[in-house]
Amino acid sequence: MPTQTKTLIAESLRHFDELPDSAHVKQPVVESLFACSHSSVWRRVKSGAIPAPRKFGSSTVWNVGELRAALTAQAEV
């Protein structure tokens, strides 16, 4: 993964709590939040553990508010 991409992911994670619930993030951020691989994200989406993404044009993105709810539910288990 290019250094610039890693930097963007790190910045997104650092400021994740400051993002509004209506914001959207891309898959590398979801992978980092849930500490899983690209394939595992899609397995967890299929099982319902991670909310389904949305398509905006050619971009696949996840809603921050839905991700927060999933992380909270995961922490309570």
C-alpha atoms as a PDB file:
ATOM      1  CA  MET A   1       0.000   0.000   0.000  1.00  0.00           C
ATOM      2  CA  PRO A   2       1.472   3.386  -0.942  1.00  0.00           C
ATOM      3  CA  THR A   3       2.643   5.638   1.876  1.00  0.00           C
ATOM      4  CA  GLN A   4       0.148   8.359   0.932  1.00  0.00           C
ATOM      5  CA  THR A   5      -2.746   5.898   1.292  1.00  0.00           C
ATOM      6  CA  LYS A   6      -1.481   4.728   4.687  1.00  0.00           C
ATOM      7  CA  THR A   7      -1.261   8.341   5.814  1.00  0.00           C
ATOM      8  CA  LEU A   8      -4.838   9.036   4.711  1.00  0.00           C
ATOM      9  CA  ILE A   9      -6.093   5.952   6.563  1.00  0.00           C
ATOM     10  CA  ALA A  10      -4.202   6.959   9.710  1.00  0.00           C
ATOM     11  CA  GLU A  11      -5.668  10.477   9.514  1.00  0.00           C
ATOM     12  CA  SER A  12      -9.183   9.100   9.029  1.00  0.00           C
ATOM     13  CA  LEU A  13      -8.794   6.831  12.037  1.00  0.00           C
ATOM     14  CA  ARG A  14      -7.320   9.570  14.203  1.00  0.00           C
ATOM     15  CA  HIS A  15     -10.271  11.850  13.448  1.00  0.00           C
ATOM     16  CA  PHE A  16     -12.956   9.132  13.303  1.00  0.00           C
ATOM     17  CA  ASP A  17     -14.584  10.285  16.563  1.00  0.00           C
ATOM     18  CA  GLU A  18     -14.825  13.818  15.185  1.00  0.00           C
ATOM     19  CA  LEU A  19     -16.618  12.778  11.990  1.00  0.00           C
ATOM     20  CA  PRO A  20     -20.383  13.343  11.914  1.00  0.00           C
ATOM     21  CA  ASP A  21     -22.599  10.253  11.811  1.00  0.00           C
ATOM     22  CA  SER A  22     -23.594  11.253   8.282  1.00  0.00           C
ATOM     23  CA  ALA A  23     -19.993  11.033   6.994  1.00  0.00           C
ATOM     24  CA  HIS A  24     -18.746   8.139   4.877  1.00  0.00           C
ATOM     25  CA  VAL A  25     -15.434   6.257   4.803  1.00  0.00           C
ATOM     26  CA  LYS A  26     -13.879   3.842   2.330  1.00  0.00           C
ATOM     27  CA  GLN A  27     -12.995   0.196   2.825  1.00  0.00           C
ATOM     28  CA  PRO A  28      -9.388   0.593   4.078  1.00  0.00           C
ATOM     29  CA  VAL A  29     -10.719   2.581   7.041  1.00  0.00           C
ATOM     30  CA  VAL A  30     -13.323  -0.125   7.756  1.00  0.00           C
ATOM     31  CA  GLU A  31     -10.583  -2.766   7.606  1.00  0.00           C
ATOM     32  CA  SER A  32      -8.581  -0.826  10.178  1.00  0.00           C
ATOM     33  CA  LEU A  33     -11.558  -0.154  12.455  1.00  0.00           C
ATOM     34  CA  PHE A  34     -12.534  -3.811  12.593  1.00  0.00           C
ATOM     35  CA  ALA A  35      -8.945  -5.137  12.393  1.00  0.00           C
ATOM     36  CA  CYS A  36      -9.688  -7.433   9.485  1.00  0.00           C
ATOM     37  CA  SER A  37      -8.718  -8.040   5.882  1.00  0.00           C
ATOM     38  CA  HIS A  38     -10.454  -6.979   2.683  1.00  0.00           C
ATOM     39  CA  SER A  39     -12.133 -10.387   2.356  1.00  0.00           C
ATOM     40  CA  SER A  40     -13.155 -10.473   6.018  1.00  0.00           C
ATOM     41  CA  VAL A  41     -14.952  -7.144   5.667  1.00  0.00           C
ATOM     42  CA  TRP A  42     -17.178  -8.661   2.981  1.00  0.00           C
ATOM     43  CA  ARG A  43     -17.731 -11.864   5.014  1.00  0.00           C
ATOM     44  CA  ARG A  44     -18.774  -9.735   7.998  1.00  0.00           C
ATOM     45  CA  VAL A  45     -21.063  -7.624   5.806  1.00  0.00           C
ATOM     46  CA  LYS A  46     -22.719 -10.819   4.566  1.00  0.00           C
ATOM     47  CA  SER A  47     -23.171 -12.079   8.155  1.00  0.00           C
ATOM     48  CA  GLY A  48     -24.522  -8.712   9.326  1.00  0.00           C
ATOM     49  CA  ALA A  49     -21.633  -7.971  11.721  1.00  0.00           C
ATOM     50  CA  ILE A  50     -20.629  -4.944   9.632  1.00  0.00           C
ATOM     51  CA  PRO A  51     -23.311  -2.763   8.017  1.00  0.00           C
ATOM     52  CA  ALA A  52     -23.654  -2.920   4.260  1.00  0.00           C
ATOM     53  CA  PRO A  53     -21.895  -0.202   2.287  1.00  0.00           C
ATOM     54  CA  ARG A  54     -23.457   2.245  -0.130  1.00  0.00           C
ATOM     55  CA  LYS A  55     -22.462   2.986  -3.704  1.00  0.00           C
ATOM     56  CA  PHE A  56     -21.926   6.603  -4.702  1.00  0.00           C
ATOM     57  CA  GLY A  57     -21.074   6.453  -8.368  1.00  0.00           C
ATOM     58  CA  SER A  58     -18.105   4.118  -8.603  1.00  0.00           C
ATOM     59  CA  SER A  59     -17.185   4.509  -4.910  1.00  0.00           C
ATOM     60  CA  THR A  60     -18.167   2.026  -2.214  1.00  0.00           C
ATOM     61  CA  VAL A  61     -18.450   3.738   1.169  1.00  0.00           C
ATOM     62  CA  TRP A  62     -19.667   2.999   4.684  1.00  0.00           C
ATOM     63  CA  ASN A  63     -21.745   5.322   6.853  1.00  0.00           C
ATOM     64  CA  VAL A  64     -19.836   6.403   9.978  1.00  0.00           C
ATOM     65  CA  GLY A  65     -22.924   6.338  12.226  1.00  0.00           C
ATOM     66  CA  GLU A  66     -23.712   2.753  11.219  1.00  0.00           C
ATOM     67  CA  LEU A  67     -20.092   1.723  11.782  1.00  0.00           C
ATOM     68  CA  ARG A  68     -20.130   3.283  15.262  1.00  0.00           C
ATOM     69  CA  ALA A  69     -23.275   1.325  16.122  1.00  0.00           C
ATOM     70  CA  ALA A  70     -21.676  -1.917  14.895  1.00  0.00           C
ATOM     71  CA  LEU A  71     -18.502  -1.250  16.895  1.00  0.00           C
ATOM     72  CA  THR A  72     -20.563  -0.545  20.026  1.00  0.00           C
ATOM     73  CA  ALA A  73     -22.563  -3.747  19.551  1.00  0.00           C
ATOM     74  CA  GLN A  74     -19.345  -5.704  19.020  1.00  0.00           C
ATOM     75  CA  ALA A  75     -17.840  -4.258  22.228  1.00  0.00           C
ATOM     76  CA  GLU A  76     -20.910  -5.252  24.263  1.00  0.00           C
ATOM     77  CA  VAL A  77     -20.640  -8.928  23.283  1.00  0.00           C
END
